[in-house]
């Protein structure tokens, strides 16, 4: 496998995770209640945008690329020990 293809794949997976994680977070019942989905805005707390959204976004970007990197290493992708000549 080409090293550029692996790098591009990691970027695509990271981008997909960074987009998907906040969408999944926004679709949860708990988040909808905090963002005004409660009865007459009861319990509305916009603090979740500061306290929960950044970690969700970062985890969505980082976790998929870490799993992708581990899979590439386990499946013998570029840069494994057999390719090194020293």
N, C-alpha and C. Protein backbone atom coordinates (compact mmCIF):
# COMPACT_ATOMS: atom_id res chain seq x y z
N UNK A 1 0.85 -1.17 0.00
CA UNK A 1 0.00 0.00 0.00
C UNK A 1 0.90 1.24 0.00
N UNK A 2 0.53 2.21 -0.77
CA UNK A 2 1.29 3.45 -0.90
C UNK A 2 1.14 4.30 0.37
N UNK A 3 2.24 4.90 0.81
CA UNK A 3 2.21 5.72 2.04
C UNK A 3 1.29 6.93 1.87
N UNK A 4 1.25 7.53 0.67
CA UNK A 4 0.35 8.66 0.44
C UNK A 4 -1.12 8.24 0.54
N UNK A 5 -1.44 7.06 0.07
CA UNK A 5 -2.81 6.57 0.16
C UNK A 5 -3.21 6.34 1.60
N UNK A 6 -2.29 5.84 2.41
CA UNK A 6 -2.57 5.61 3.82
C UNK A 6 -2.78 6.95 4.52
N UNK A 7 -1.94 7.92 4.22
CA UNK A 7 -2.07 9.25 4.83
C UNK A 7 -3.40 9.88 4.43
N UNK A 8 -3.75 9.79 3.17
CA UNK A 8 -5.01 10.34 2.69
C UNK A 8 -6.19 9.62 3.34
N UNK A 9 -6.09 8.32 3.48
CA UNK A 9 -7.15 7.55 4.14
C UNK A 9 -7.33 7.96 5.59
N UNK A 10 -6.22 8.21 6.28
CA UNK A 10 -6.29 8.67 7.67
C UNK A 10 -6.97 10.02 7.78
N UNK A 11 -6.66 10.91 6.85
CA UNK A 11 -7.29 12.23 6.85
C UNK A 11 -8.79 12.13 6.57
N UNK A 12 -9.17 11.28 5.65
CA UNK A 12 -10.58 11.11 5.32
C UNK A 12 -11.34 10.52 6.51
N UNK A 13 -10.74 9.53 7.17
CA UNK A 13 -11.38 8.93 8.34
C UNK A 13 -11.52 9.95 9.46
N UNK A 14 -10.48 10.76 9.66
CA UNK A 14 -10.53 11.80 10.70
C UNK A 14 -11.60 12.84 10.40
N UNK A 15 -11.70 13.26 9.15
CA UNK A 15 -12.72 14.23 8.76
C UNK A 15 -14.12 13.65 8.95
N UNK A 16 -14.30 12.40 8.55
CA UNK A 16 -15.61 11.77 8.72
C UNK A 16 -15.99 11.67 10.20
N UNK A 17 -15.03 11.33 11.04
CA UNK A 17 -15.30 11.25 12.47
C UNK A 17 -15.60 12.61 13.07
N UNK A 18 -14.87 13.64 12.61
CA UNK A 18 -15.08 14.99 13.13
C UNK A 18 -16.45 15.54 12.75
N UNK A 19 -16.99 15.08 11.63
CA UNK A 19 -18.33 15.51 11.21
C UNK A 19 -19.41 14.64 11.87
N UNK A 20 -19.17 13.34 11.94
CA UNK A 20 -20.18 12.42 12.46
C UNK A 20 -20.38 12.53 13.96
N UNK A 21 -19.31 12.72 14.73
CA UNK A 21 -19.43 12.75 16.19
C UNK A 21 -20.34 13.87 16.68
N UNK A 22 -20.18 15.12 16.21
CA UNK A 22 -21.12 16.16 16.66
C UNK A 22 -22.55 15.91 16.20
N UNK A 23 -22.73 15.30 15.02
CA UNK A 23 -24.09 15.00 14.57
C UNK A 23 -24.75 13.96 15.46
N UNK A 24 -24.00 12.95 15.86
CA UNK A 24 -24.53 11.94 16.77
C UNK A 24 -24.81 12.57 18.13
N UNK A 25 -23.90 13.45 18.59
CA UNK A 25 -24.07 14.14 19.86
C UNK A 25 -25.33 15.01 19.83
N UNK A 26 -25.54 15.72 18.73
CA UNK A 26 -26.72 16.58 18.61
C UNK A 26 -28.03 15.79 18.55
N UNK A 27 -27.96 14.56 18.07
CA UNK A 27 -29.18 13.77 17.93
C UNK A 27 -29.59 13.06 19.23
N UNK A 28 -28.75 13.13 20.26
CA UNK A 28 -29.11 12.46 21.51
C UNK A 28 -30.19 13.25 22.24
N UNK A 29 -31.02 12.53 22.97
CA UNK A 29 -32.12 13.15 23.71
C UNK A 29 -31.60 14.13 24.76
N UNK A 30 -30.54 13.76 25.43
CA UNK A 30 -29.97 14.60 26.47
C UNK A 30 -29.53 15.95 25.91
N UNK A 31 -28.87 15.94 24.77
CA UNK A 31 -28.40 17.18 24.16
C UNK A 31 -29.57 18.03 23.68
N UNK A 32 -30.58 17.40 23.11
CA UNK A 32 -31.75 18.15 22.64
C UNK A 32 -32.44 18.87 23.80
N UNK A 33 -32.51 18.23 24.94
CA UNK A 33 -33.12 18.87 26.11
C UNK A 33 -32.29 20.06 26.56
N UNK A 34 -30.98 19.90 26.60
CA UNK A 34 -30.10 21.00 27.01
C UNK A 34 -30.13 22.17 26.04
N UNK A 35 -30.38 21.89 24.77
CA UNK A 35 -30.37 22.96 23.77
C UNK A 35 -31.76 23.49 23.46
N UNK A 36 -32.70 23.25 24.33
CA UNK A 36 -34.02 23.87 24.17
C UNK A 36 -35.11 22.92 23.78
N UNK A 37 -34.88 21.65 23.84
CA UNK A 37 -35.92 20.69 23.49
C UNK A 37 -36.85 20.37 24.63
N UNK A 38 -36.62 20.96 25.79
CA UNK A 38 -37.48 20.73 26.94
C UNK A 38 -38.77 21.53 26.82
N UNK A 39 -39.68 21.30 27.73
CA UNK A 39 -40.96 21.99 27.72
C UNK A 39 -40.74 23.47 28.02
N UNK A 40 -41.10 24.34 27.09
CA UNK A 40 -40.97 25.78 27.19
C UNK A 40 -39.56 26.20 27.61
N UNK A 41 -38.57 25.57 26.99
CA UNK A 41 -37.15 25.82 27.25
C UNK A 41 -36.76 25.58 28.69
N UNK A 42 -37.50 24.77 29.39
CA UNK A 42 -37.16 24.44 30.76
C UNK A 42 -35.91 23.56 30.77
N UNK A 43 -34.96 23.94 31.55
CA UNK A 43 -33.71 23.17 31.63
C UNK A 43 -32.74 23.48 30.52
N UNK A 44 -32.96 24.56 29.79
CA UNK A 44 -32.05 24.91 28.69
C UNK A 44 -30.70 25.32 29.26
N UNK A 45 -29.65 24.70 28.76
CA UNK A 45 -28.30 24.96 29.25
C UNK A 45 -27.35 25.01 28.06
N UNK A 46 -27.01 26.23 27.64
CA UNK A 46 -26.10 26.38 26.51
C UNK A 46 -24.65 26.16 26.88
N UNK A 47 -24.40 25.92 28.15
CA UNK A 47 -23.04 25.60 28.59
C UNK A 47 -22.51 24.31 28.00
N UNK A 48 -23.42 23.43 27.54
CA UNK A 48 -22.97 22.18 26.94
C UNK A 48 -22.20 22.44 25.64
N UNK A 49 -22.45 23.58 25.00
CA UNK A 49 -21.69 23.91 23.78
C UNK A 49 -20.23 24.16 24.09
N UNK A 50 -19.94 24.60 25.32
CA UNK A 50 -18.57 24.88 25.71
C UNK A 50 -17.94 23.68 26.41
N UNK A 51 -18.73 22.97 27.19
CA UNK A 51 -18.17 21.88 27.99
C UNK A 51 -18.18 20.52 27.30
N UNK A 52 -19.15 20.26 26.44
CA UNK A 52 -19.26 18.94 25.83
C UNK A 52 -18.88 18.91 24.36
N UNK A 53 -19.20 19.93 23.61
CA UNK A 53 -18.97 19.89 22.17
C UNK A 53 -17.49 19.80 21.79
N UNK A 54 -16.57 20.58 22.38
CA UNK A 54 -15.16 20.44 21.98
C UNK A 54 -14.59 19.04 22.20
N UNK A 55 -14.81 18.39 23.36
CA UNK A 55 -14.30 17.02 23.49
C UNK A 55 -14.95 16.03 22.52
N UNK A 56 -16.23 16.23 22.23
CA UNK A 56 -16.90 15.36 21.26
C UNK A 56 -16.26 15.52 19.89
N UNK A 57 -16.01 16.76 19.49
CA UNK A 57 -15.39 17.03 18.20
C UNK A 57 -13.97 16.45 18.13
N UNK A 58 -13.18 16.68 19.17
CA UNK A 58 -11.80 16.18 19.18
C UNK A 58 -11.75 14.66 19.22
N UNK A 59 -12.61 14.06 20.02
CA UNK A 59 -12.65 12.59 20.06
C UNK A 59 -13.12 12.02 18.74
N UNK A 60 -14.07 12.69 18.11
CA UNK A 60 -14.55 12.24 16.80
C UNK A 60 -13.48 12.32 15.74
N UNK A 61 -12.57 13.27 15.86
CA UNK A 61 -11.48 13.39 14.89
C UNK A 61 -10.32 12.47 15.22
N UNK A 62 -10.03 12.29 16.50
CA UNK A 62 -8.84 11.54 16.90
C UNK A 62 -9.05 10.04 16.97
N UNK A 63 -10.17 9.61 17.52
CA UNK A 63 -10.38 8.18 17.73
C UNK A 63 -10.41 7.38 16.41
N UNK A 64 -11.13 7.81 15.39
CA UNK A 64 -11.11 7.02 14.14
C UNK A 64 -9.72 6.93 13.51
N UNK A 65 -8.95 8.01 13.56
CA UNK A 65 -7.63 7.96 12.94
C UNK A 65 -6.68 7.09 13.76
N UNK A 66 -6.85 7.02 15.07
CA UNK A 66 -6.03 6.12 15.88
C UNK A 66 -6.35 4.66 15.58
N UNK A 67 -7.63 4.35 15.46
CA UNK A 67 -8.04 2.99 15.11
C UNK A 67 -7.54 2.64 13.70
N UNK A 68 -7.65 3.58 12.78
CA UNK A 68 -7.16 3.37 11.41
C UNK A 68 -5.66 3.11 11.40
N UNK A 69 -4.92 3.88 12.19
CA UNK A 69 -3.46 3.70 12.26
C UNK A 69 -3.11 2.32 12.82
N UNK A 70 -3.81 1.90 13.87
CA UNK A 70 -3.56 0.58 14.43
C UNK A 70 -3.86 -0.53 13.42
N UNK A 71 -4.96 -0.38 12.69
CA UNK A 71 -5.29 -1.39 11.68
C UNK A 71 -4.25 -1.45 10.57
N UNK A 72 -3.77 -0.30 10.13
CA UNK A 72 -2.74 -0.27 9.08
C UNK A 72 -1.47 -0.94 9.59
N UNK A 73 -1.09 -0.66 10.82
CA UNK A 73 0.12 -1.27 11.40
C UNK A 73 -0.05 -2.78 11.55
N UNK A 74 -1.21 -3.21 12.02
CA UNK A 74 -1.45 -4.64 12.21
C UNK A 74 -1.52 -5.40 10.90
N UNK A 75 -2.03 -4.76 9.88
CA UNK A 75 -2.17 -5.42 8.58
C UNK A 75 -0.92 -5.28 7.72
N UNK A 76 0.14 -4.71 8.27
CA UNK A 76 1.41 -4.64 7.54
C UNK A 76 1.48 -3.53 6.53
N UNK A 77 0.99 -2.37 6.90
CA UNK A 77 1.04 -1.22 6.01
C UNK A 77 2.44 -0.65 5.90
N UNK A 78 2.58 0.49 5.24
CA UNK A 78 3.89 1.09 5.06
C UNK A 78 4.52 1.47 6.39
N UNK A 79 5.82 1.30 6.46
CA UNK A 79 6.54 1.69 7.64
C UNK A 79 6.66 0.59 8.69
N UNK A 80 6.25 -0.64 8.34
CA UNK A 80 6.42 -1.70 9.33
C UNK A 80 7.85 -2.19 9.32
N UNK A 81 8.19 -3.02 10.26
CA UNK A 81 9.59 -3.42 10.48
C UNK A 81 10.17 -4.16 9.28
N UNK A 82 9.39 -4.86 8.50
CA UNK A 82 9.92 -5.62 7.37
C UNK A 82 10.38 -4.74 6.22
N UNK A 83 9.90 -3.49 6.17
CA UNK A 83 10.28 -2.59 5.09
C UNK A 83 11.58 -1.84 5.37
N UNK A 84 12.02 -1.82 6.61
CA UNK A 84 13.20 -1.03 6.98
C UNK A 84 14.48 -1.79 6.65
N UNK A 85 15.38 -1.08 6.03
CA UNK A 85 16.68 -1.63 5.72
C UNK A 85 17.71 -0.81 6.48
N UNK A 86 18.49 -1.43 7.30
CA UNK A 86 19.37 -0.62 8.09
C UNK A 86 20.65 -1.26 8.31
